[in-house]
Amino acid sequence: LDEMTDGLLVHAENWQALNLLQEKYRGQVKCIYIDPPYNTGNDEFLYRDNYQHSSWLAMMDNRLRLSRNLLHLEGSIFVSNDDKEQSFLKNCMDLVFGLENFVSQVIWQKKYSPQNDSKYLSDNHDYITLFALQKEYWKRNLLPRTEEANARYINPDNDPRGLWKPSGLDVKTYSPEYDYPITTPSGRVVKPPRGRCWRTSKERLQELIADNRIWFGPDGNSVPALKRFLSEVQEGMVPLTIWTYEEVGHNQEAIQQLKAIMGEFGDVFQTPKPARLLQRCFQIGANRDSTILDYFAGSGTTAHAVINLNREDGGRRKFILVEMADYFDTVLLPRIKKVTF
């Protein structure tokens, strides 16, 4: 049954469900994503959303500890949160996972326009707190290269090695032996900027010039630059800690996406997460055959994101979703069926 299905849905209170899952899935989950109630005082979730800090932290702490047991040695957990609980959540996760296993605090641009009725400042971002189970074993994946990133590579000199982009030849870590004049093909003498030096020795520079890896501009008179070939760069891009809505979506996109699938039933959720946001988490923290867990499953965006990724790259990622509310039957399950078929 496990081999033939893409996921497991558990209609239950999540503390009880996590206890239920302990034996079967201990050490099997590569990536956890959760979007717990933000403790804002709004009761749009059946999980009480107006806890005192201590009660909210107690609720989070015991669930984090149970889910920690389910993580693979190379696993990680992504937790969505906001300004109100960000510092408390970080301290809680320091205790559960260990300060040494903190990876990053990601900033997600959740809105595409200012909130003009804000009393103080327009709240345009949320956080995603990322911890590894054991940071020494955890390896982040590279993100797929974008067309925009590849567009920076050109080939103005028709180099047979293909597309390349110029990279500065000077560096700020000063070394006297790397501070020397360079004569361009046009006869111009160029020195590194004050307080800086070239990134390579005279001898190595001549080797690079002979290999046509130094660019002096179309007329041979420009400051020298190192040619970096697209064919020689790593296959993907290192993830950044700021995720813009252009890259991963915003709240309105998530609402529209849910309504397009579920119609009026999509109105249950005022702040769903866009599938693209979760896909980014799983691209970084999971492999193509990983098991992914979400025990605040809400409308089922985690499953939607997993299905999208599997469809894109032929992966066999599996999801485990836990949700206790009545919309398990009216929103979550129907949504996953529609996305699947």
C-alpha atoms as a PDB file:
ATOM      1  CA  LEU A   1       0.000   0.000   0.000  1.00  0.00           C
ATOM      2  CA  ASP A   2       2.805   2.409   0.875  1.00  0.00           C
ATOM      3  CA  GLU A   3       4.460   1.827  -2.491  1.00  0.00           C
ATOM      4  CA  MET A   4       1.254   2.426  -4.423  1.00  0.00           C
ATOM      5  CA  THR A   5       0.199   5.671  -2.740  1.00  0.00           C
ATOM      6  CA  ASP A   6       1.641   9.160  -2.842  1.00  0.00           C
ATOM      7  CA  GLY A   7       0.654  10.076   0.663  1.00  0.00           C
ATOM      8  CA  LEU A   8      -1.076   9.525   3.964  1.00  0.00           C
ATOM      9  CA  LEU A   9      -3.846  11.729   5.373  1.00  0.00           C
ATOM     10  CA  VAL A  10      -4.651  11.590   9.071  1.00  0.00           C
ATOM     11  CA  HIS A  11      -7.861  13.200  10.319  1.00  0.00           C
ATOM     12  CA  ALA A  12      -6.936  13.722  13.966  1.00  0.00           C
ATOM     13  CA  GLU A  13      -5.660  16.131  16.578  1.00  0.00           C
ATOM     14  CA  ASN A  14      -1.985  16.466  15.781  1.00  0.00           C
ATOM     15  CA  TRP A  15      -0.457  15.604  19.172  1.00  0.00           C
ATOM     16  CA  GLN A  16      -2.329  12.294  19.158  1.00  0.00           C
ATOM     17  CA  ALA A  17      -1.507  11.726  15.484  1.00  0.00           C
ATOM     18  CA  LEU A  18       2.217  12.319  16.041  1.00  0.00           C
ATOM     19  CA  ASN A  19       2.137   9.716  18.816  1.00  0.00           C
ATOM     20  CA  LEU A  20       0.373   7.328  16.452  1.00  0.00           C
ATOM     21  CA  LEU A  21       3.040   7.823  13.776  1.00  0.00           C
ATOM     22  CA  GLN A  22       6.044   7.302  16.064  1.00  0.00           C
ATOM     23  CA  GLU A  23       6.690   3.606  15.522  1.00  0.00           C
ATOM     24  CA  LYS A  24       6.110   3.378  11.786  1.00  0.00           C
ATOM     25  CA  TYR A  25       7.836   6.601  10.704  1.00  0.00           C
ATOM     26  CA  ARG A  26      10.600   7.100  13.283  1.00  0.00           C
ATOM     27  CA  GLY A  27      13.671   8.388  11.447  1.00  0.00           C
ATOM     28  CA  GLN A  28      11.914   8.221   8.051  1.00  0.00           C
ATOM     29  CA  VAL A  29      10.840  11.829   7.376  1.00  0.00           C
ATOM     30  CA  LYS A  30      13.322  13.921   5.370  1.00  0.00           C
ATOM     31  CA  CYS A  31      11.494  17.240   5.618  1.00  0.00           C
ATOM     32  CA  ILE A  32       8.836  18.758   7.880  1.00  0.00           C
ATOM     33  CA  TYR A  33       6.918  21.915   7.017  1.00  0.00           C
ATOM     34  CA  ILE A  34       4.355  23.378   9.414  1.00  0.00           C
ATOM     35  CA  ASP A  35       2.302  26.546   9.416  1.00  0.00           C
ATOM     36  CA  PRO A  36       1.027  26.651  13.007  1.00  0.00           C
ATOM     37  CA  PRO A  37      -1.458  29.243  14.306  1.00  0.00           C
ATOM     38  CA  TYR A  38       0.440  32.503  14.702  1.00  0.00           C
ATOM     39  CA  ASN A  39      -1.121  33.338  18.067  1.00  0.00           C
ATOM     40  CA  THR A  40      -2.698  36.514  16.701  1.00  0.00           C
ATOM     41  CA  GLY A  41      -5.990  36.284  18.569  1.00  0.00           C
ATOM     42  CA  ASN A  42      -7.981  35.364  15.451  1.00  0.00           C
ATOM     43  CA  ASP A  43      -9.917  32.137  15.826  1.00  0.00           C
ATOM     44  CA  GLU A  44     -10.119  31.130  12.185  1.00  0.00           C
ATOM     45  CA  PHE A  45      -8.494  27.785  13.103  1.00  0.00           C
ATOM     46  CA  LEU A  46      -9.865  25.170  15.451  1.00  0.00           C
ATOM     47  CA  TYR A  47      -6.492  25.305  17.149  1.00  0.00           C
ATOM     48  CA  ARG A  48      -6.946  28.133  19.641  1.00  0.00           C
ATOM     49  CA  ASP A  49      -5.255  31.177  18.182  1.00  0.00           C
ATOM     50  CA  ASN A  50      -5.149  33.407  21.246  1.00  0.00           C
ATOM     51  CA  TYR A  51      -2.826  31.597  23.618  1.00  0.00           C
ATOM     52  CA  GLN A  52      -0.616  33.397  26.074  1.00  0.00           C
ATOM     53  CA  HIS A  53       3.016  33.079  24.977  1.00  0.00           C
ATOM     54  CA  SER A  54       3.728  30.373  27.544  1.00  0.00           C
ATOM     55  CA  SER A  55       0.709  28.277  26.530  1.00  0.00           C
ATOM     56  CA  TRP A  56       1.455  28.713  22.815  1.00  0.00           C
ATOM     57  CA  LEU A  57       5.057  27.646  23.408  1.00  0.00           C
ATOM     58  CA  ALA A  58       3.964  24.616  25.421  1.00  0.00           C
ATOM     59  CA  MET A  59       1.672  23.600  22.558  1.00  0.00           C
ATOM     60  CA  MET A  60       4.527  24.016  20.053  1.00  0.00           C
ATOM     61  CA  ASP A  61       7.194  22.425  22.239  1.00  0.00           C
ATOM     62  CA  ASN A  62       5.510  19.066  22.772  1.00  0.00           C
ATOM     63  CA  ARG A  63       4.614  18.733  19.080  1.00  0.00           C
ATOM     64  CA  LEU A  64       8.096  19.718  17.930  1.00  0.00           C
ATOM     65  CA  ARG A  65       9.622  17.123  20.243  1.00  0.00           C
ATOM     66  CA  LEU A  66       7.375  14.374  18.911  1.00  0.00           C
ATOM     67  CA  SER A  67       8.030  15.314  15.287  1.00  0.00           C
ATOM     68  CA  ARG A  68      11.781  15.505  15.935  1.00  0.00           C
ATOM     69  CA  ASN A  69      11.750  11.733  16.503  1.00  0.00           C
ATOM     70  CA  LEU A  70      10.331  11.226  13.016  1.00  0.00           C
ATOM     71  CA  LEU A  71      13.113  13.117  11.232  1.00  0.00           C
ATOM     72  CA  HIS A  72      15.753  11.310   9.227  1.00  0.00           C
ATOM     73  CA  LEU A  73      19.366  11.901  10.341  1.00  0.00           C
ATOM     74  CA  GLU A  74      19.746  14.213   7.311  1.00  0.00           C
ATOM     75  CA  GLY A  75      16.331  15.803   7.842  1.00  0.00           C
ATOM     76  CA  SER A  76      15.198  19.371   8.464  1.00  0.00           C
ATOM     77  CA  ILE A  77      12.135  21.340   9.574  1.00  0.00           C
ATOM     78  CA  PHE A  78      10.692  24.576   8.155  1.00  0.00           C
ATOM     79  CA  VAL A  79       8.253  26.527  10.378  1.00  0.00           C
ATOM     80  CA  SER A  80       6.228  29.510   9.140  1.00  0.00           C
ATOM     81  CA  ASN A  81       5.788  32.284  11.720  1.00  0.00           C
ATOM     82  CA  ASP A  82       5.468  36.044  12.079  1.00  0.00           C
ATOM     83  CA  ASP A  83       6.959  38.943  14.051  1.00  0.00           C
ATOM     84  CA  LYS A  84       4.869  38.289  17.154  1.00  0.00           C
ATOM     85  CA  GLU A  85       6.164  34.791  17.883  1.00  0.00           C
ATOM     86  CA  GLN A  86       9.367  34.682  15.836  1.00  0.00           C
ATOM     87  CA  SER A  87      11.773  35.223  18.751  1.00  0.00           C
ATOM     88  CA  PHE A  88       9.838  32.883  21.083  1.00  0.00           C
ATOM     89  CA  LEU A  89       9.665  30.160  18.438  1.00  0.00           C
ATOM     90  CA  LYS A  90      13.401  30.439  17.734  1.00  0.00           C
ATOM     91  CA  ASN A  91      14.200  29.992  21.436  1.00  0.00           C
ATOM     92  CA  CYS A  92      11.833  27.028  21.644  1.00  0.00           C
ATOM     93  CA  MET A  93      13.421  25.361  18.622  1.00  0.00           C
ATOM     94  CA  ASP A  94      16.897  26.061  20.041  1.00  0.00           C
ATOM     95  CA  LEU A  95      15.904  23.950  23.047  1.00  0.00           C
ATOM     96  CA  VAL A  96      14.278  21.157  21.026  1.00  0.00           C
ATOM     97  CA  PHE A  97      16.792  20.862  18.166  1.00  0.00           C
ATOM     98  CA  GLY A  98      19.866  22.525  19.657  1.00  0.00           C
ATOM     99  CA  LEU A  99      21.238  25.977  18.909  1.00  0.00           C
ATOM    100  CA  GLU A 100      24.009  24.375  16.856  1.00  0.00           C
ATOM    101  CA  ASN A 101      21.419  22.985  14.406  1.00  0.00           C
ATOM    102  CA  PHE A 102      19.883  26.334  13.484  1.00  0.00           C
ATOM    103  CA  VAL A 103      20.266  26.887   9.735  1.00  0.00           C
ATOM    104  CA  SER A 104      18.530  30.128   8.792  1.00  0.00           C
ATOM    105  CA  GLN A 105      15.694  32.581   9.291  1.00  0.00           C
ATOM    106  CA  VAL A 106      14.103  33.064   5.877  1.00  0.00           C
ATOM    107  CA  ILE A 107      12.133  36.226   5.113  1.00  0.00           C
ATOM    108  CA  TRP A 108       9.148  35.712   2.810  1.00  0.00           C
ATOM    109  CA  GLN A 109       7.579  38.745   1.100  1.00  0.00           C
ATOM    110  CA  LYS A 110       3.942  37.756   1.587  1.00  0.00           C
ATOM    111  CA  LYS A 111       2.302  40.886   0.126  1.00  0.00           C
ATOM    112  CA  TYR A 112       2.862  42.688  -3.152  1.00  0.00           C
ATOM    113  CA  SER A 113       1.568  46.111  -2.073  1.00  0.00           C
ATOM    114  CA  PRO A 114       1.600  48.286   1.077  1.00  0.00           C
ATOM    115  CA  GLN A 115      -1.193  47.939   3.608  1.00  0.00           C
ATOM    116  CA  ASN A 116      -2.297  51.581   3.746  1.00  0.00           C
ATOM    117  CA  ASP A 117      -4.628  51.116   6.717  1.00  0.00           C
ATOM    118  CA  SER A 118      -1.808  49.850   8.963  1.00  0.00           C
ATOM    119  CA  LYS A 119      -1.710  51.624  12.306  1.00  0.00           C
ATOM    120  CA  TYR A 120       2.072  51.496  12.488  1.00  0.00           C
ATOM    121  CA  LEU A 121       4.160  49.905   9.711  1.00  0.00           C
ATOM    122  CA  SER A 122       2.831  47.856   6.794  1.00  0.00           C
ATOM    123  CA  ASP A 123       3.392  44.190   7.593  1.00  0.00           C
ATOM    124  CA  ASN A 124       4.696  42.808   4.306  1.00  0.00           C
ATOM    125  CA  HIS A 125       6.668  39.750   5.367  1.00  0.00           C
ATOM    126  CA  ASP A 126       6.608  36.569   7.402  1.00  0.00           C
ATOM    127  CA  TYR A 127       9.397  34.228   8.462  1.00  0.00           C
ATOM    128  CA  ILE A 128      10.279  30.614   7.859  1.00  0.00           C
ATOM    129  CA  THR A 129      12.564  29.251  10.585  1.00  0.00           C
ATOM    130  CA  LEU A 130      14.789  26.417   9.405  1.00  0.00           C
ATOM    131  CA  PHE A 131      16.521  23.857  11.638  1.00  0.00           C
ATOM    132  CA  ALA A 132      18.337  20.650  10.766  1.00  0.00           C
ATOM    133  CA  LEU A 133      18.103  17.566  12.950  1.00  0.00           C
ATOM    134  CA  GLN A 134      21.892  17.217  12.765  1.00  0.00           C
ATOM    135  CA  LYS A 135      23.453  20.118  10.882  1.00  0.00           C
ATOM    136  CA  GLU A 136      26.686  18.198  10.272  1.00  0.00           C
ATOM    137  CA  TYR A 137      24.748  15.658   8.196  1.00  0.00           C
ATOM    138  CA  TRP A 138      22.221  17.973   6.569  1.00  0.00           C
ATOM    139  CA  LYS A 139      22.942  19.096   3.012  1.00  0.00           C
ATOM    140  CA  ARG A 140      20.839  21.759   1.363  1.00  0.00           C
ATOM    141  CA  ASN A 141      19.942  21.214  -2.254  1.00  0.00           C
ATOM    142  CA  LEU A 142      20.650  23.806  -4.899  1.00  0.00           C
ATOM    143  CA  LEU A 143      17.702  25.492  -6.557  1.00  0.00           C
ATOM    144  CA  PRO A 144      17.128  25.104 -10.301  1.00  0.00           C
ATOM    145  CA  ARG A 145      18.810  27.825 -12.308  1.00  0.00           C
ATOM    146  CA  THR A 146      16.372  30.439 -13.568  1.00  0.00           C
ATOM    147  CA  GLU A 147      16.148  31.831 -17.081  1.00  0.00           C
ATOM    148  CA  GLU A 148      16.988  35.236 -15.596  1.00  0.00           C
ATOM    149  CA  ALA A 149      20.209  33.889 -14.067  1.00  0.00           C
ATOM    150  CA  ASN A 150      21.225  32.161 -17.303  1.00  0.00           C
ATOM    151  CA  ALA A 151      20.445  35.315 -19.308  1.00  0.00           C
ATOM    152  CA  ARG A 152      23.409  37.039 -17.634  1.00  0.00           C
ATOM    153  CA  TYR A 153      25.729  34.787 -19.632  1.00  0.00           C
ATOM    154  CA  ILE A 154      26.715  36.008 -23.098  1.00  0.00           C
ATOM    155  CA  ASN A 155      29.380  35.250 -25.694  1.00  0.00           C
ATOM    156  CA  PRO A 156      30.471  38.485 -27.390  1.00  0.00           C
ATOM    157  CA  ASP A 157      33.802  37.016 -28.573  1.00  0.00           C
ATOM    158  CA  ASN A 158      32.281  33.756 -29.904  1.00  0.00           C
ATOM    159  CA  ASP A 159      34.319  31.644 -27.514  1.00  0.00           C
ATOM    160  CA  PRO A 160      33.895  27.971 -28.514  1.00  0.00           C
ATOM    161  CA  ARG A 161      33.354  27.077 -24.846  1.00  0.00           C
ATOM    162  CA  GLY A 162      30.003  28.842 -25.021  1.00  0.00           C
ATOM    163  CA  LEU A 163      28.211  31.415 -22.880  1.00  0.00           C
ATOM    164  CA  TRP A 164      30.106  33.277 -20.160  1.00  0.00           C
ATOM    165  CA  LYS A 165      29.835  36.331 -17.937  1.00  0.00           C
ATOM    166  CA  PRO A 166      32.601  38.700 -16.766  1.00  0.00           C
ATOM    167  CA  SER A 167      33.665  38.618 -13.125  1.00  0.00           C
ATOM    168  CA  GLY A 168      35.796  41.243 -11.378  1.00  0.00           C
ATOM    169  CA  LEU A 169      39.486  40.410 -11.262  1.00  0.00           C
ATOM    170  CA  ASP A 170      40.248  42.471  -8.125  1.00  0.00           C
ATOM    171  CA  VAL A 171      39.635  41.421  -4.497  1.00  0.00           C
ATOM    172  CA  LYS A 172      39.665  43.276  -1.174  1.00  0.00           C
ATOM    173  CA  THR A 173      41.905  40.799   0.693  1.00  0.00           C
ATOM    174  CA  TYR A 174      45.114  42.691  -0.020  1.00  0.00           C
ATOM    175  CA  SER A 175      48.388  40.914  -0.808  1.00  0.00           C
ATOM    176  CA  PRO A 176      51.433  42.945  -1.984  1.00  0.00           C
ATOM    177  CA  GLU A 177      52.627  40.320  -4.484  1.00  0.00           C
ATOM    178  CA  TYR A 178      49.205  40.431  -6.194  1.00  0.00           C
ATOM    179  CA  ASP A 179      49.353  44.219  -6.554  1.00  0.00           C
ATOM    180  CA  TYR A 180      50.916  44.807  -9.966  1.00  0.00           C
ATOM    181  CA  PRO A 181      50.109  46.704 -13.184  1.00  0.00           C
ATOM    182  CA  ILE A 182      48.426  44.952 -16.114  1.00  0.00           C
ATOM    183  CA  THR A 183      48.867  46.153 -19.681  1.00  0.00           C
ATOM    184  CA  THR A 184      45.773  45.728 -21.854  1.00  0.00           C
ATOM    185  CA  PRO A 185      46.007  44.715 -25.542  1.00  0.00           C
ATOM    186  CA  SER A 186      45.460  48.375 -26.455  1.00  0.00           C
ATOM    187  CA  GLY A 187      48.524  49.407 -24.409  1.00  0.00           C
ATOM    188  CA  ARG A 188      46.630  50.897 -21.466  1.00  0.00           C
ATOM    189  CA  VAL A 189      48.167  50.217 -18.039  1.00  0.00           C
ATOM    190  CA  VAL A 190      45.640  49.221 -15.370  1.00  0.00           C
ATOM    191  CA  LYS A 191      46.218  48.893 -11.626  1.00  0.00           C
ATOM    192  CA  PRO A 192      43.839  47.449  -9.009  1.00  0.00           C
ATOM    193  CA  PRO A 193      41.744  49.968  -7.028  1.00  0.00           C
ATOM    194  CA  ARG A 194      43.393  51.512  -3.951  1.00  0.00           C
ATOM    195  CA  GLY A 195      43.528  49.027  -1.073  1.00  0.00           C
ATOM    196  CA  ARG A 196      42.724  46.065  -3.311  1.00  0.00           C
ATOM    197  CA  CYS A 197      44.766  43.660  -5.411  1.00  0.00           C
ATOM    198  CA  TRP A 198      44.292  41.190  -8.265  1.00  0.00           C
ATOM    199  CA  ARG A 199      42.870  37.769  -7.425  1.00  0.00           C
ATOM    200  CA  THR A 200      45.746  35.926  -9.076  1.00  0.00           C
ATOM    201  CA  SER A 201      49.524  36.096  -9.533  1.00  0.00           C
ATOM    202  CA  LYS A 202      51.324  37.503 -12.586  1.00  0.00           C
ATOM    203  CA  GLU A 203      52.248  34.014 -13.736  1.00  0.00           C
ATOM    204  CA  ARG A 204      48.739  32.649 -13.366  1.00  0.00           C
ATOM    205  CA  LEU A 205      47.304  35.730 -15.127  1.00  0.00           C
ATOM    206  CA  GLN A 206      49.447  35.028 -18.186  1.00  0.00           C
ATOM    207  CA  GLU A 207      48.140  31.446 -18.242  1.00  0.00           C
ATOM    208  CA  LEU A 208      44.544  32.740 -18.102  1.00  0.00           C
ATOM    209  CA  ILE A 209      45.213  35.230 -20.904  1.00  0.00           C
ATOM    210  CA  ALA A 210      46.754  32.493 -23.035  1.00  0.00           C
ATOM    211  CA  ASP A 211      43.624  30.360 -22.413  1.00  0.00           C
ATOM    212  CA  ASN A 212      41.373  33.278 -23.464  1.00  0.00           C
ATOM    213  CA  ARG A 213      39.838  33.493 -19.971  1.00  0.00           C
ATOM    214  CA  ILE A 214      40.528  37.197 -19.463  1.00  0.00           C
ATOM    215  CA  TRP A 215      38.273  39.765 -21.146  1.00  0.00           C
ATOM    216  CA  PHE A 216      39.616  43.229 -21.950  1.00  0.00           C
ATOM    217  CA  GLY A 217      36.439  44.462 -23.594  1.00  0.00           C
ATOM    218  CA  PRO A 218      35.546  44.537 -27.312  1.00  0.00           C
ATOM    219  CA  ASP A 219      38.292  47.062 -28.079  1.00  0.00           C
ATOM    220  CA  GLY A 220      40.946  45.552 -25.782  1.00  0.00           C
ATOM    221  CA  ASN A 221      41.013  48.675 -23.619  1.00  0.00           C
ATOM    222  CA  SER A 222      38.794  47.785 -20.629  1.00  0.00           C
ATOM    223  CA  VAL A 223      39.735  46.795 -17.079  1.00  0.00           C
ATOM    224  CA  PRO A 224      40.418  43.040 -17.225  1.00  0.00           C
ATOM    225  CA  ALA A 225      37.674  40.664 -16.113  1.00  0.00           C
ATOM    226  CA  LEU A 226      37.659  36.919 -15.557  1.00  0.00           C
ATOM    227  CA  LYS A 227      35.389  34.917 -17.885  1.00  0.00           C
ATOM    228  CA  ARG A 228      33.132  32.498 -16.003  1.00  0.00           C
ATOM    229  CA  PHE A 229      31.564  29.937 -18.334  1.00  0.00           C
ATOM    230  CA  LEU A 230      28.009  28.736 -17.856  1.00  0.00           C
ATOM    231  CA  SER A 231      29.132  25.201 -18.671  1.00  0.00           C
ATOM    232  CA  GLU A 232      31.515  25.275 -15.704  1.00  0.00           C
ATOM    233  CA  VAL A 233      29.261  26.693 -12.979  1.00  0.00           C
ATOM    234  CA  GLN A 234      27.386  24.417 -10.569  1.00  0.00           C
ATOM    235  CA  GLU A 235      24.133  22.955 -11.810  1.00  0.00           C
ATOM    236  CA  GLY A 236      21.923  24.997  -9.475  1.00  0.00           C
ATOM    237  CA  MET A 237      21.790  28.177  -7.443  1.00  0.00           C
ATOM    238  CA  VAL A 238      22.542  28.588  -3.730  1.00  0.00           C
ATOM    239  CA  PRO A 239      19.283  29.470  -1.890  1.00  0.00           C
ATOM    240  CA  LEU A 240      19.032  32.989  -0.482  1.00  0.00           C
ATOM    241  CA  THR A 241      17.423  34.006   2.814  1.00  0.00           C
ATOM    242  CA  ILE A 242      15.035  36.540   1.238  1.00  0.00           C
ATOM    243  CA  TRP A 243      12.250  35.059  -0.909  1.00  0.00           C
ATOM    244  CA  THR A 244      10.273  37.573  -2.949  1.00  0.00           C
ATOM    245  CA  TYR A 245       6.669  37.109  -4.027  1.00  0.00           C
ATOM    246  CA  GLU A 246       7.784  37.023  -7.673  1.00  0.00           C
ATOM    247  CA  GLU A 247       9.754  33.868  -6.892  1.00  0.00           C
ATOM    248  CA  VAL A 248       7.460  31.988  -4.508  1.00  0.00           C
ATOM    249  CA  GLY A 249       4.069  33.700  -4.540  1.00  0.00           C
ATOM    250  CA  HIS A 250       2.115  35.865  -2.098  1.00  0.00           C
ATOM    251  CA  ASN A 251      -1.012  35.569   0.061  1.00  0.00           C
ATOM    252  CA  GLN A 252      -3.403  36.720  -2.656  1.00  0.00           C
ATOM    253  CA  GLU A 253      -2.019  34.164  -5.077  1.00  0.00           C
ATOM    254  CA  ALA A 254      -2.623  31.465  -2.471  1.00  0.00           C
ATOM    255  CA  ILE A 255      -6.236  32.607  -1.900  1.00  0.00           C
ATOM    256  CA  GLN A 256      -6.953  32.745  -5.639  1.00  0.00           C
ATOM    257  CA  GLN A 257      -5.338  29.353  -6.160  1.00  0.00           C
ATOM    258  CA  LEU A 258      -7.483  27.762  -3.471  1.00  0.00           C
ATOM    259  CA  LYS A 259     -10.704  29.376  -4.705  1.00  0.00           C
ATOM    260  CA  ALA A 260      -9.971  28.281  -8.278  1.00  0.00           C
ATOM    261  CA  ILE A 261      -9.841  24.675  -7.054  1.00  0.00           C
ATOM    262  CA  MET A 262     -12.447  24.679  -4.292  1.00  0.00           C
ATOM    263  CA  GLY A 263     -14.842  27.516  -5.159  1.00  0.00           C
ATOM    264  CA  GLU A 264     -16.782  28.834  -2.168  1.00  0.00           C
ATOM    265  CA  PHE A 265     -15.208  26.242   0.134  1.00  0.00           C
ATOM    266  CA  GLY A 266     -11.892  28.041  -0.347  1.00  0.00           C
ATOM    267  CA  ASP A 267     -13.258  30.989   1.665  1.00  0.00           C
ATOM    268  CA  VAL A 268     -12.587  29.063   4.887  1.00  0.00           C
ATOM    269  CA  PHE A 269      -8.941  30.123   4.741  1.00  0.00           C
ATOM    270  CA  GLN A 270      -7.935  33.782   4.897  1.00  0.00           C
ATOM    271  CA  THR A 271      -4.158  33.301   4.900  1.00  0.00           C
ATOM    272  CA  PRO A 272      -3.246  30.097   3.027  1.00  0.00           C
ATOM    273  CA  LYS A 273       0.290  29.653   1.769  1.00  0.00           C
ATOM    274  CA  PRO A 274       1.024  29.535  -1.975  1.00  0.00           C
ATOM    275  CA  ALA A 275       2.110  26.152  -3.289  1.00  0.00           C
ATOM    276  CA  ARG A 276       5.215  27.752  -4.824  1.00  0.00           C
ATOM    277  CA  LEU A 277       6.428  28.775  -1.355  1.00  0.00           C
ATOM    278  CA  LEU A 278       6.287  25.221  -0.061  1.00  0.00           C
ATOM    279  CA  GLN A 279       7.815  23.873  -3.254  1.00  0.00           C
ATOM    280  CA  ARG A 280      10.837  26.082  -2.523  1.00  0.00           C
ATOM    281  CA  CYS A 281      11.151  24.567   0.965  1.00  0.00           C
ATOM    282  CA  PHE A 282      10.988  21.031  -0.405  1.00  0.00           C
ATOM    283  CA  GLN A 283      13.426  21.775  -3.228  1.00  0.00           C
ATOM    284  CA  ILE A 284      15.935  22.812  -0.562  1.00  0.00           C
ATOM    285  CA  GLY A 285      15.212  20.250   2.152  1.00  0.00           C
ATOM    286  CA  ALA A 286      13.958  17.091   0.426  1.00  0.00           C
ATOM    287  CA  ASN A 287      15.091  14.703  -2.289  1.00  0.00           C
ATOM    288  CA  ARG A 288      13.020  13.290  -5.125  1.00  0.00           C
ATOM    289  CA  ASP A 289      12.068  10.194  -3.090  1.00  0.00           C
ATOM    290  CA  SER A 290      11.674  11.831   0.344  1.00  0.00           C
ATOM    291  CA  THR A 291       8.808  11.640   2.811  1.00  0.00           C
ATOM    292  CA  ILE A 292       7.470  15.077   3.801  1.00  0.00           C
ATOM    293  CA  LEU A 293       5.350  15.737   6.908  1.00  0.00           C
ATOM    294  CA  ASP A 294       2.921  18.555   7.735  1.00  0.00           C
ATOM    295  CA  TYR A 295       0.935  18.254  10.972  1.00  0.00           C
ATOM    296  CA  PHE A 296      -0.855  21.609  10.684  1.00  0.00           C
ATOM    297  CA  ALA A 297      -2.090  20.677   7.227  1.00  0.00           C
ATOM    298  CA  GLY A 298      -4.903  23.235   6.841  1.00  0.00           C
ATOM    299  CA  SER A 299      -6.125  23.279   3.259  1.00  0.00           C
ATOM    300  CA  GLY A 300      -3.531  20.735   2.068  1.00  0.00           C
ATOM    301  CA  THR A 301      -1.017  23.053   0.374  1.00  0.00           C
ATOM    302  CA  THR A 302       1.847  20.748   1.354  1.00  0.00           C
ATOM    303  CA  ALA A 303       0.347  17.867  -0.617  1.00  0.00           C
ATOM    304  CA  HIS A 304      -0.379  20.225  -3.524  1.00  0.00           C
ATOM    305  CA  ALA A 305       3.281  21.332  -3.556  1.00  0.00           C
ATOM    306  CA  VAL A 306       4.561  17.751  -3.381  1.00  0.00           C
ATOM    307  CA  ILE A 307       2.309  16.661  -6.250  1.00  0.00           C
ATOM    308  CA  ASN A 308       3.459  19.648  -8.337  1.00  0.00           C
ATOM    309  CA  LEU A 309       7.130  18.822  -7.785  1.00  0.00           C
ATOM    310  CA  ASN A 310       6.630  15.142  -8.596  1.00  0.00           C
ATOM    311  CA  ARG A 311       4.817  16.131 -11.769  1.00  0.00           C
ATOM    312  CA  GLU A 312       7.650  18.487 -12.772  1.00  0.00           C
ATOM    313  CA  ASP A 313      10.623  16.188 -12.243  1.00  0.00           C
ATOM    314  CA  GLY A 314       9.193  12.677 -12.091  1.00  0.00           C
ATOM    315  CA  GLY A 315      10.010  12.360  -8.384  1.00  0.00           C
ATOM    316  CA  ARG A 316       8.395   9.956  -5.916  1.00  0.00           C
ATOM    317  CA  ARG A 317       8.110  12.244  -2.897  1.00  0.00           C
ATOM    318  CA  LYS A 318       5.446  11.186  -0.407  1.00  0.00           C
ATOM    319  CA  PHE A 319       3.452  13.350   1.992  1.00  0.00           C
ATOM    320  CA  ILE A 320       1.983  12.793   5.446  1.00  0.00           C
ATOM    321  CA  LEU A 321      -0.695  15.347   6.367  1.00  0.00           C
ATOM    322  CA  VAL A 322      -2.428  15.706   9.733  1.00  0.00           C
ATOM    323  CA  GLU A 323      -5.492  17.923  10.241  1.00  0.00           C
ATOM    324  CA  MET A 324      -8.289  17.749  12.833  1.00  0.00           C
ATOM    325  CA  ALA A 325     -10.834  20.271  11.523  1.00  0.00           C
ATOM    326  CA  ASP A 326     -14.058  19.520   9.653  1.00  0.00           C
ATOM    327  CA  TYR A 327     -12.576  21.037   6.506  1.00  0.00           C
ATOM    328  CA  PHE A 328     -10.477  17.874   6.271  1.00  0.00           C
ATOM    329  CA  ASP A 329     -13.479  16.420   4.429  1.00  0.00           C
ATOM    330  CA  THR A 330     -14.775  19.572   2.720  1.00  0.00           C
ATOM    331  CA  VAL A 331     -11.513  21.204   1.573  1.00  0.00           C
ATOM    332  CA  LEU A 332      -8.321  19.229   2.187  1.00  0.00           C
ATOM    333  CA  LEU A 333      -9.316  15.844   0.791  1.00  0.00           C
ATOM    334  CA  PRO A 334     -11.271  17.191  -2.225  1.00  0.00           C
ATOM    335  CA  ARG A 335      -8.416  19.565  -3.038  1.00  0.00           C
ATOM    336  CA  ILE A 336      -5.846  16.760  -3.089  1.00  0.00           C
ATOM    337  CA  LYS A 337      -8.128  14.648  -5.266  1.00  0.00           C
ATOM    338  CA  LYS A 338      -8.567  17.486  -7.747  1.00  0.00           C
ATOM    339  CA  VAL A 339      -4.852  18.339  -7.851  1.00  0.00           C
ATOM    340  CA  THR A 340      -3.969  14.672  -8.308  1.00  0.00           C
ATOM    341  CA  PHE A 341      -6.405  13.896 -11.112  1.00  0.00           C
END
